[in-house]
Structures are given as C-alpha cells and as structure tokens.
Amino acid sequence: MSDFVLNKDQEPLERRGAELRSGLLSMEPEQLAALTETELKGVGRERFFSFSYWGKPVELSCQDYIARDQESRGALPPVHQAMILYYFFSSQGSTQPGKWISFSELADGKFYNAAFQGYTSKVLLRHFKDDYAAFNRANLDLGGEKTSFGDGAYRYQILPKVAMLLVHWQGDDEFPPSYKILFEDIVDYHLPTDACAILASMLTGKLIAGAS
C-alpha cells in the first residue's frame, strides 16, 4: 500500500509482530474469523482472511500470518502488520458499538492521556487552528465519513470492528478551537490501548500530510 507511511523505528514492532504470529498459529482460523468479523477464504495451505484495513482490501495468510495488499500482493510495512496482528490476537468478539469514548476511558488510558493528546489533538490544533474548511477538505480527501457530532466530525473504519471519530469544536471568545479523536466503546475487546494510540497517531499524520 503505497500511501501507508513507514515509521522510522520498526524494530520493536517487528519483534512484537513475531510474538503475535507465534500465538496466532496455535489458534483455530474459524474462531479467529468469527471474533474479528473477517472472511475466511481458500483451502488448505492457501487459506487466508479477507478484510478491509484503512479502507483498502487486505488479506492475512493462515500459513504465515503475513498481511498483504490484495491488489499489489506486497507485504504491508511492519507497523501495519503489527496493528493487524494485534487485532487478530486481541479480538474477543463484541456486541455492536454503543457510544464514542475518549482515549482516557480506555484501559490505562488515563495514565497515557496527556502524551496521547500531545501527538494528536495538539498537533491538529497547531495545524488547522480555526480553519474548519481546510479540516473538512482534508477529512473528505482522506475518505472520512461525515458524521453529526460536535461542530463537525468524520468517522474512519480502520478494521472490521475498530473505528475512530475525529471531532472538532469551534472556539469562541473564551475557549480556543479543539480537536479530538474518539473510539467506539467496544475497542477494548479488539485492540490494546497502545495499538489504539498508534492508529490515532497514524490518522493525525495522514490528515496533516494530506492537508499540507
């Protein structure tokens, strides 16, 4: 996927990815497909999971648990491998989402919330300030789904059971504008908090890059 940004330091994620693959190899593909709401295709050694990641078709081999772009057949960069592997390893199944929650409401989210806001909300505020037209254009260009929330919001479906909402509130004489990334309340059943933080950082980076 040519538009997926490769982070500078991939080694820790590569190591974690190898650990997750080892764990997944001992699990039943049928159960994984049900828990992740992905489609299991193929037979024998050619079986794979088919699903959408950041709006693009991806497949994950049951043989080696390498995620590949369905169009180019190329393996995804380590950071994206890790996000997908986290999803498959962590998913416990869940009901339909009920509401949007903040990062601080995730498991251990309060402890890391200040840092999280520093590389998401504050970065977005520095870039867009009160230019809501630019914010709207950037989200539409990135494929965000316009949603009624706050003074403007865009929904992003990252994985079958993982979505994020990017919201802005307009400022006034007393308060500056604000931007915030929210998660569906079922995300703890599908991803660890650090993976949620990485996805939110990706969204922030993609939005800024697209608007520059």
C-alpha atoms as a PDB file:
ATOM      1  CA  MET A   1       0.000   0.000   0.000  1.00  0.00           C
ATOM      2  CA  SER A   2       1.914   2.971  -1.282  1.00  0.00           C
ATOM      3  CA  ASP A   3       0.084   5.524   0.870  1.00  0.00           C
ATOM      4  CA  PHE A   4       0.867   3.726   4.124  1.00  0.00           C
ATOM      5  CA  VAL A   5       3.583   5.634   5.946  1.00  0.00           C
ATOM      6  CA  LEU A   6       6.527   3.595   7.207  1.00  0.00           C
ATOM      7  CA  ASN A   7       7.595   4.689  10.691  1.00  0.00           C
ATOM      8  CA  LYS A   8      11.318   5.258  11.261  1.00  0.00           C
ATOM      9  CA  ASP A   9      11.812   2.736  14.060  1.00  0.00           C
ATOM     10  CA  GLN A  10      10.156  -0.525  13.092  1.00  0.00           C
ATOM     11  CA  GLU A  11      12.295  -2.995  15.043  1.00  0.00           C
ATOM     12  CA  PRO A  12      10.184  -3.122  18.244  1.00  0.00           C
ATOM     13  CA  LEU A  13       7.032  -3.664  16.198  1.00  0.00           C
ATOM     14  CA  GLU A  14       8.736  -6.360  14.142  1.00  0.00           C
ATOM     15  CA  ARG A  15       9.685  -8.205  17.330  1.00  0.00           C
ATOM     16  CA  ARG A  16       6.183  -7.894  18.726  1.00  0.00           C
ATOM     17  CA  GLY A  17       4.745  -8.994  15.391  1.00  0.00           C
ATOM     18  CA  ALA A  18       6.804 -12.181  15.506  1.00  0.00           C
ATOM     19  CA  GLU A  19       5.472 -12.924  19.001  1.00  0.00           C
ATOM     20  CA  LEU A  20       1.884 -12.355  17.906  1.00  0.00           C
ATOM     21  CA  ARG A  21       2.301 -14.577  14.841  1.00  0.00           C
ATOM     22  CA  SER A  22       3.588 -17.379  17.037  1.00  0.00           C
ATOM     23  CA  GLY A  23       0.488 -17.122  19.201  1.00  0.00           C
ATOM     24  CA  LEU A  24      -1.906 -16.953  16.262  1.00  0.00           C
ATOM     25  CA  LEU A  25      -0.504 -20.121  14.697  1.00  0.00           C
ATOM     26  CA  SER A  26      -1.930 -22.105  17.616  1.00  0.00           C
ATOM     27  CA  MET A  27      -5.454 -20.694  17.178  1.00  0.00           C
ATOM     28  CA  GLU A  28      -8.277 -22.013  15.012  1.00  0.00           C
ATOM     29  CA  PRO A  29      -8.806 -19.879  11.872  1.00  0.00           C
ATOM     30  CA  GLU A  30     -12.586 -20.361  12.018  1.00  0.00           C
ATOM     31  CA  GLN A  31     -12.718 -18.944  15.528  1.00  0.00           C
ATOM     32  CA  LEU A  32     -10.469 -16.036  14.580  1.00  0.00           C
ATOM     33  CA  ALA A  33     -12.675 -15.197  11.603  1.00  0.00           C
ATOM     34  CA  ALA A  34     -15.738 -15.110  13.858  1.00  0.00           C
ATOM     35  CA  LEU A  35     -14.095 -12.968  16.542  1.00  0.00           C
ATOM     36  CA  THR A  36     -12.652 -10.470  14.054  1.00  0.00           C
ATOM     37  CA  GLU A  37     -15.627 -10.471  11.648  1.00  0.00           C
ATOM     38  CA  THR A  38     -13.351 -11.229   8.711  1.00  0.00           C
ATOM     39  CA  GLU A  39     -13.992 -13.606   5.812  1.00  0.00           C
ATOM     40  CA  LEU A  40     -12.048 -16.871   5.686  1.00  0.00           C
ATOM     41  CA  LYS A  41     -11.248 -17.925   2.118  1.00  0.00           C
ATOM     42  CA  GLY A  42      -9.235 -20.589   0.294  1.00  0.00           C
ATOM     43  CA  VAL A  43      -8.431 -24.183   1.233  1.00  0.00           C
ATOM     44  CA  GLY A  44      -5.549 -25.985   2.913  1.00  0.00           C
ATOM     45  CA  ARG A  45      -2.270 -24.074   2.935  1.00  0.00           C
ATOM     46  CA  GLU A  46      -3.837 -21.344   0.791  1.00  0.00           C
ATOM     47  CA  ARG A  47      -6.381 -20.219   3.395  1.00  0.00           C
ATOM     48  CA  PHE A  48      -6.462 -16.542   4.263  1.00  0.00           C
ATOM     49  CA  PHE A  49      -8.589 -13.917   5.970  1.00  0.00           C
ATOM     50  CA  SER A  50     -10.038 -11.202   3.736  1.00  0.00           C
ATOM     51  CA  PHE A  51     -10.984  -7.815   5.185  1.00  0.00           C
ATOM     52  CA  SER A  52     -10.631  -4.063   4.838  1.00  0.00           C
ATOM     53  CA  TYR A  53      -7.876  -2.083   6.584  1.00  0.00           C
ATOM     54  CA  TRP A  54      -7.924   1.704   6.318  1.00  0.00           C
ATOM     55  CA  GLY A  55     -10.500   1.262   3.572  1.00  0.00           C
ATOM     56  CA  LYS A  56      -8.305  -0.972   1.409  1.00  0.00           C
ATOM     57  CA  PRO A  57      -8.628  -4.731   0.707  1.00  0.00           C
ATOM     58  CA  VAL A  58      -6.104  -6.785   2.649  1.00  0.00           C
ATOM     59  CA  GLU A  59      -5.557 -10.491   3.213  1.00  0.00           C
ATOM     60  CA  LEU A  60      -3.835 -12.264   6.087  1.00  0.00           C
ATOM     61  CA  SER A  61      -2.395 -15.707   5.380  1.00  0.00           C
ATOM     62  CA  CYS A  62      -3.284 -18.534   7.777  1.00  0.00           C
ATOM     63  CA  GLN A  63       0.066 -20.098   6.881  1.00  0.00           C
ATOM     64  CA  ASP A  64       2.475 -17.362   7.994  1.00  0.00           C
ATOM     65  CA  TYR A  65       0.189 -14.573   9.248  1.00  0.00           C
ATOM     66  CA  ILE A  66       1.711 -12.026   6.902  1.00  0.00           C
ATOM     67  CA  ALA A  67      -0.703  -9.278   5.833  1.00  0.00           C
ATOM     68  CA  ARG A  68      -0.636  -8.362   2.148  1.00  0.00           C
ATOM     69  CA  ASP A  69      -2.259  -5.808  -0.094  1.00  0.00           C
ATOM     70  CA  GLN A  70      -4.781  -7.771  -2.170  1.00  0.00           C
ATOM     71  CA  GLU A  71      -4.062  -5.680  -5.252  1.00  0.00           C
ATOM     72  CA  SER A  72      -0.262  -5.482  -5.324  1.00  0.00           C
ATOM     73  CA  ARG A  73       0.339  -8.711  -3.341  1.00  0.00           C
ATOM     74  CA  GLY A  74       3.053  -6.849  -1.432  1.00  0.00           C
ATOM     75  CA  ALA A  75       3.527  -7.334   2.300  1.00  0.00           C
ATOM     76  CA  LEU A  76       2.486  -4.345   4.402  1.00  0.00           C
ATOM     77  CA  PRO A  77       5.115  -2.408   6.396  1.00  0.00           C
ATOM     78  CA  PRO A  78       5.823  -3.652   9.948  1.00  0.00           C
ATOM     79  CA  VAL A  79       3.688  -1.051  11.724  1.00  0.00           C
ATOM     80  CA  HIS A  80       0.611  -2.144   9.760  1.00  0.00           C
ATOM     81  CA  GLN A  81       1.478  -5.818  10.175  1.00  0.00           C
ATOM     82  CA  ALA A  82       1.563  -5.191  13.923  1.00  0.00           C
ATOM     83  CA  MET A  83      -1.807  -3.405  14.010  1.00  0.00           C
ATOM     84  CA  ILE A  84      -3.492  -6.241  12.125  1.00  0.00           C
ATOM     85  CA  LEU A  85      -1.804  -8.921  14.226  1.00  0.00           C
ATOM     86  CA  TYR A  86      -2.822  -7.115  17.424  1.00  0.00           C
ATOM     87  CA  TYR A  87      -6.400  -7.083  16.139  1.00  0.00           C
ATOM     88  CA  PHE A  88      -6.470 -10.799  15.398  1.00  0.00           C
ATOM     89  CA  PHE A  89      -4.662 -11.763  18.603  1.00  0.00           C
ATOM     90  CA  SER A  90      -6.698  -9.486  20.896  1.00  0.00           C
ATOM     91  CA  SER A  91     -10.226  -9.773  19.479  1.00  0.00           C
ATOM     92  CA  GLN A  92     -12.638 -11.382  21.916  1.00  0.00           C
ATOM     93  CA  GLY A  93     -15.802 -10.718  19.971  1.00  0.00           C
ATOM     94  CA  SER A  94     -18.186  -7.924  20.928  1.00  0.00           C
ATOM     95  CA  THR A  95     -21.675  -6.554  20.553  1.00  0.00           C
ATOM     96  CA  GLN A  96     -22.497  -3.569  18.380  1.00  0.00           C
ATOM     97  CA  PRO A  97     -20.863  -0.311  19.500  1.00  0.00           C
ATOM     98  CA  GLY A  98     -22.957   1.870  21.781  1.00  0.00           C
ATOM     99  CA  LYS A  99     -21.140   5.192  22.015  1.00  0.00           C
ATOM    100  CA  TRP A 100     -17.929   7.078  21.332  1.00  0.00           C
ATOM    101  CA  ILE A 101     -15.415   7.309  24.165  1.00  0.00           C
ATOM    102  CA  SER A 102     -12.199   9.242  24.719  1.00  0.00           C
ATOM    103  CA  PHE A 103      -8.718   7.758  24.931  1.00  0.00           C
ATOM    104  CA  SER A 104      -8.707   8.354  28.688  1.00  0.00           C
ATOM    105  CA  GLU A 105     -11.630   5.919  29.022  1.00  0.00           C
ATOM    106  CA  LEU A 106      -9.659   3.031  27.513  1.00  0.00           C
ATOM    107  CA  ALA A 107      -7.778   0.555  29.704  1.00  0.00           C
ATOM    108  CA  ASP A 108      -4.864   2.520  31.256  1.00  0.00           C
ATOM    109  CA  GLY A 109      -5.812   5.417  29.002  1.00  0.00           C
ATOM    110  CA  LYS A 110      -5.817   7.992  31.812  1.00  0.00           C
ATOM    111  CA  PHE A 111      -2.153   7.325  32.520  1.00  0.00           C
ATOM    112  CA  TYR A 112      -1.105   7.988  28.912  1.00  0.00           C
ATOM    113  CA  ASN A 113      -3.731  10.587  28.028  1.00  0.00           C
ATOM    114  CA  ALA A 114      -1.510  13.667  28.310  1.00  0.00           C
ATOM    115  CA  ALA A 115       1.026  12.190  25.905  1.00  0.00           C
ATOM    116  CA  PHE A 116      -1.748  10.989  23.582  1.00  0.00           C
ATOM    117  CA  GLN A 117      -3.310  14.451  23.346  1.00  0.00           C
ATOM    118  CA  GLY A 118       0.154  15.874  22.690  1.00  0.00           C
ATOM    119  CA  TYR A 119       0.649  13.923  19.456  1.00  0.00           C
ATOM    120  CA  THR A 120      -2.980  14.005  18.287  1.00  0.00           C
ATOM    121  CA  SER A 121      -5.237  16.849  19.465  1.00  0.00           C
ATOM    122  CA  LYS A 122      -2.500  19.449  19.951  1.00  0.00           C
ATOM    123  CA  VAL A 123      -0.885  18.634  16.608  1.00  0.00           C
ATOM    124  CA  LEU A 124      -4.233  19.023  14.844  1.00  0.00           C
ATOM    125  CA  LEU A 125      -4.906  22.325  16.611  1.00  0.00           C
ATOM    126  CA  ARG A 126      -1.492  23.732  15.643  1.00  0.00           C
ATOM    127  CA  HIS A 127      -2.076  22.780  12.028  1.00  0.00           C
ATOM    128  CA  PHE A 128      -5.729  23.668  11.442  1.00  0.00           C
ATOM    129  CA  LYS A 129      -6.329  26.325  14.144  1.00  0.00           C
ATOM    130  CA  ASP A 130      -9.795  27.672  13.212  1.00  0.00           C
ATOM    131  CA  ASP A 131      -9.607  26.795   9.508  1.00  0.00           C
ATOM    132  CA  TYR A 132     -12.568  24.414   9.562  1.00  0.00           C
ATOM    133  CA  ALA A 133     -12.890  24.456   5.783  1.00  0.00           C
ATOM    134  CA  ALA A 134      -9.364  23.045   5.482  1.00  0.00           C
ATOM    135  CA  PHE A 135     -10.175  20.487   8.188  1.00  0.00           C
ATOM    136  CA  ASN A 136     -13.272  19.380   6.287  1.00  0.00           C
ATOM    137  CA  ARG A 137     -11.423  19.138   2.969  1.00  0.00           C
ATOM    138  CA  ALA A 138      -8.597  17.117   4.491  1.00  0.00           C
ATOM    139  CA  ASN A 139     -11.017  14.617   6.024  1.00  0.00           C
ATOM    140  CA  LEU A 140     -13.040  14.231   2.847  1.00  0.00           C
ATOM    141  CA  ASP A 141      -9.861  13.753   0.808  1.00  0.00           C
ATOM    142  CA  LEU A 142      -8.756  11.051   3.253  1.00  0.00           C
ATOM    143  CA  GLY A 143     -12.073   9.228   2.926  1.00  0.00           C
ATOM    144  CA  GLY A 144     -13.631  10.181   6.244  1.00  0.00           C
ATOM    145  CA  GLU A 145     -17.384   9.700   6.580  1.00  0.00           C
ATOM    146  CA  LYS A 146     -19.045  12.949   7.682  1.00  0.00           C
ATOM    147  CA  THR A 147     -20.973  12.355  10.901  1.00  0.00           C
ATOM    148  CA  SER A 148     -23.140  14.508  13.153  1.00  0.00           C
ATOM    149  CA  PHE A 149     -21.095  15.074  16.313  1.00  0.00           C
ATOM    150  CA  GLY A 150     -19.688  18.208  17.948  1.00  0.00           C
ATOM    151  CA  ASP A 151     -19.301  21.048  15.444  1.00  0.00           C
ATOM    152  CA  GLY A 152     -18.068  18.637  12.789  1.00  0.00           C
ATOM    153  CA  ALA A 153     -16.860  15.044  12.771  1.00  0.00           C
ATOM    154  CA  TYR A 154     -15.564  12.334  10.455  1.00  0.00           C
ATOM    155  CA  ARG A 155     -15.693   8.597  11.029  1.00  0.00           C
ATOM    156  CA  TYR A 156     -12.927   6.233   9.914  1.00  0.00           C
ATOM    157  CA  GLN A 157     -13.405   2.461   9.753  1.00  0.00           C
ATOM    158  CA  ILE A 158      -9.916   1.058  10.309  1.00  0.00           C
ATOM    159  CA  LEU A 159     -10.665  -2.649  10.810  1.00  0.00           C
ATOM    160  CA  PRO A 160     -13.966  -4.552  10.775  1.00  0.00           C
ATOM    161  CA  LYS A 161     -14.588  -3.858  14.486  1.00  0.00           C
ATOM    162  CA  VAL A 162     -12.365  -0.809  15.005  1.00  0.00           C
ATOM    163  CA  ALA A 163     -13.436   2.724  14.100  1.00  0.00           C
ATOM    164  CA  MET A 164     -12.280   6.196  15.120  1.00  0.00           C
ATOM    165  CA  LEU A 165     -14.076   9.527  15.108  1.00  0.00           C
ATOM    166  CA  LEU A 166     -12.230  12.793  14.538  1.00  0.00           C
ATOM    167  CA  VAL A 167     -14.219  15.680  16.020  1.00  0.00           C
ATOM    168  CA  HIS A 168     -13.756  19.430  16.157  1.00  0.00           C
ATOM    169  CA  TRP A 169     -15.398  22.043  18.332  1.00  0.00           C
ATOM    170  CA  GLN A 170     -15.315  25.659  17.231  1.00  0.00           C
ATOM    171  CA  GLY A 171     -13.736  28.192  19.532  1.00  0.00           C
ATOM    172  CA  ASP A 172     -15.280  31.371  20.905  1.00  0.00           C
ATOM    173  CA  ASP A 173     -14.178  34.426  22.889  1.00  0.00           C
ATOM    174  CA  GLU A 174     -13.371  32.298  25.929  1.00  0.00           C
ATOM    175  CA  PHE A 175     -12.166  28.989  24.511  1.00  0.00           C
ATOM    176  CA  PRO A 176      -9.930  28.094  21.560  1.00  0.00           C
ATOM    177  CA  PRO A 177     -10.952  25.536  18.928  1.00  0.00           C
ATOM    178  CA  SER A 178     -10.356  21.915  19.867  1.00  0.00           C
ATOM    179  CA  TYR A 179      -9.882  18.647  18.017  1.00  0.00           C
ATOM    180  CA  LYS A 180     -10.220  15.170  19.462  1.00  0.00           C
ATOM    181  CA  ILE A 181     -10.017  11.550  18.340  1.00  0.00           C
ATOM    182  CA  LEU A 182     -12.612   9.221  19.859  1.00  0.00           C
ATOM    183  CA  PHE A 183     -13.017   5.443  19.798  1.00  0.00           C
ATOM    184  CA  GLU A 184     -16.010   3.132  19.799  1.00  0.00           C
ATOM    185  CA  ASP A 185     -16.743   1.707  23.238  1.00  0.00           C
ATOM    186  CA  ILE A 186     -16.066  -1.856  22.017  1.00  0.00           C
ATOM    187  CA  VAL A 187     -12.461  -1.190  21.010  1.00  0.00           C
ATOM    188  CA  ASP A 188     -11.042  -2.666  24.242  1.00  0.00           C
ATOM    189  CA  TYR A 189     -12.415  -6.038  23.080  1.00  0.00           C
ATOM    190  CA  HIS A 190     -10.328  -5.864  19.909  1.00  0.00           C
ATOM    191  CA  LEU A 191      -7.123  -3.881  20.492  1.00  0.00           C
ATOM    192  CA  PRO A 192      -4.781  -2.999  23.343  1.00  0.00           C
ATOM    193  CA  THR A 193      -4.592   0.662  24.274  1.00  0.00           C
ATOM    194  CA  ASP A 194      -1.118   1.166  22.802  1.00  0.00           C
ATOM    195  CA  ALA A 195      -2.356  -0.039  19.408  1.00  0.00           C
ATOM    196  CA  CYS A 196      -5.248   2.442  19.622  1.00  0.00           C
ATOM    197  CA  ALA A 197      -2.699   5.182  20.265  1.00  0.00           C
ATOM    198  CA  ILE A 198      -0.668   4.168  17.212  1.00  0.00           C
ATOM    199  CA  LEU A 199      -3.753   4.175  14.975  1.00  0.00           C
ATOM    200  CA  ALA A 200      -4.742   7.636  16.216  1.00  0.00           C
ATOM    201  CA  SER A 201      -1.219   8.874  15.553  1.00  0.00           C
ATOM    202  CA  MET A 202      -1.447   7.430  12.038  1.00  0.00           C
ATOM    203  CA  LEU A 203      -4.739   9.225  11.439  1.00  0.00           C
ATOM    204  CA  THR A 204      -3.255  12.504  12.636  1.00  0.00           C
ATOM    205  CA  GLY A 205      -0.223  12.083  10.394  1.00  0.00           C
ATOM    206  CA  LYS A 206      -2.275  11.139   7.343  1.00  0.00           C
ATOM    207  CA  LEU A 207      -4.567  14.127   7.824  1.00  0.00           C
ATOM    208  CA  ILE A 208      -1.710  16.615   8.217  1.00  0.00           C
ATOM    209  CA  ALA A 209       0.179  15.149   5.254  1.00  0.00           C
ATOM    210  CA  GLY A 210      -2.904  15.332   3.064  1.00  0.00           C
ATOM    211  CA  ALA A 211      -3.612  18.929   4.048  1.00  0.00           C
ATOM    212  CA  SER A 212      -0.044  20.170   3.518  1.00  0.00           C
END
